[in-house]
Amino acid sequence: MTYNPTTTPTRGRRGGLVAALGDGTKKLFAKIGQWMIAYGEIHARTRQIEALMKLSDAQLAARGLTRETIVRHVFRDRLI
């Protein structure tokens, strides 16, 4: 195998490795990043719902919640 320096992406040349990846690969990594953020957000909300479900009805009432309104409360910034 022969080393060919003209095909090896390096930092100093027109954007380096990021430019060598191409738009398709960059879009793929962007989508993966978006998915990871969404997954983390949903996971955190699920934990919040589980924590609220463990509370008694009296504790929920003290927070102004009922069992029926827990999900709406947790996702209030996403719902219309």
Protein backbone atom coordinates (compact mmCIF):
# COMPACT_ATOMS: atom_id res chain seq x y z
CA MET A 1 0.00 0.00 0.00
CA THR A 2 1.34 3.38 -1.00
CA TYR A 3 0.93 6.57 0.99
CA ASN A 4 -0.64 9.34 -1.07
CA PRO A 5 -0.58 12.72 0.74
CA THR A 6 -2.99 14.36 -1.73
CA THR A 7 -5.95 12.22 -0.59
CA THR A 8 -5.36 12.40 3.16
CA PRO A 9 -7.48 15.08 4.84
CA THR A 10 -5.47 17.35 7.11
CA ARG A 11 -6.19 20.50 9.06
CA GLY A 12 -4.56 23.14 6.93
CA ARG A 13 -6.35 22.39 3.66
CA ARG A 14 -9.76 23.94 2.84
CA GLY A 15 -11.69 22.91 5.92
CA GLY A 16 -9.73 19.76 6.70
CA LEU A 17 -11.55 16.64 7.79
CA VAL A 18 -14.98 18.29 8.01
CA ALA A 19 -14.77 19.40 4.38
CA ALA A 20 -13.59 15.94 3.34
CA LEU A 21 -16.63 14.27 4.93
CA GLY A 22 -19.10 15.81 2.53
CA ASP A 23 -22.58 17.16 3.07
CA GLY A 24 -24.26 13.76 3.39
CA THR A 25 -22.05 12.66 6.24
CA LYS A 26 -22.37 16.01 8.01
CA LYS A 27 -26.17 15.80 7.75
CA LEU A 28 -26.09 12.25 9.14
CA PHE A 29 -24.07 13.33 12.17
CA ALA A 30 -26.36 16.33 12.67
CA LYS A 31 -29.42 14.02 12.69
CA ILE A 32 -27.72 11.68 15.15
CA GLY A 33 -26.99 14.65 17.40
CA GLN A 34 -30.59 15.83 17.21
CA TRP A 35 -31.83 12.33 18.06
CA MET A 36 -29.51 12.11 21.08
CA ILE A 37 -30.78 15.45 22.40
CA ALA A 38 -34.41 14.39 21.92
CA TYR A 39 -33.77 11.03 23.61
CA GLY A 40 -32.15 12.73 26.60
CA GLU A 41 -35.05 15.13 26.92
CA ILE A 42 -37.68 12.37 26.77
CA HIS A 43 -35.72 10.26 29.25
CA ALA A 44 -35.61 13.16 31.72
CA ARG A 45 -39.35 13.78 31.34
CA THR A 46 -40.07 10.09 31.87
CA ARG A 47 -38.11 10.17 35.13
CA GLN A 48 -40.07 13.26 36.20
CA ILE A 49 -43.39 11.51 35.48
CA GLU A 50 -42.27 8.43 37.41
CA ALA A 51 -41.24 10.58 40.40
CA LEU A 52 -44.59 12.38 40.43
CA MET A 53 -46.50 9.10 40.14
CA LYS A 54 -44.80 7.90 43.34
CA LEU A 55 -46.25 10.82 45.31
CA SER A 56 -49.47 10.45 47.26
CA ASP A 57 -52.67 12.16 46.12
CA ALA A 58 -52.26 14.65 48.99
CA GLN A 59 -48.70 15.50 47.90
CA LEU A 60 -49.86 15.96 44.32
CA ALA A 61 -52.72 18.18 45.48
CA ALA A 62 -50.24 20.33 47.39
CA ARG A 63 -48.48 20.91 44.05
CA GLY A 64 -51.76 21.64 42.32
CA LEU A 65 -51.72 18.35 40.40
CA THR A 66 -53.82 15.24 40.05
CA ARG A 67 -52.78 11.90 38.59
CA GLU A 68 -54.67 12.82 35.44
CA THR A 69 -52.71 16.06 34.97
CA ILE A 70 -49.17 14.77 35.58
CA VAL A 71 -48.30 14.14 31.92
CA ARG A 72 -49.83 17.45 30.84
CA HIS A 73 -47.80 19.19 33.57
CA VAL A 74 -44.51 17.55 32.56
CA PHE A 75 -45.02 18.28 28.84
CA ARG A 76 -46.66 21.70 29.36
CA ASP A 77 -44.01 23.48 27.29
CA ARG A 78 -44.62 21.13 24.35
CA LEU A 79 -48.41 21.03 24.36
CA ILE A 80 -50.67 23.74 23.02
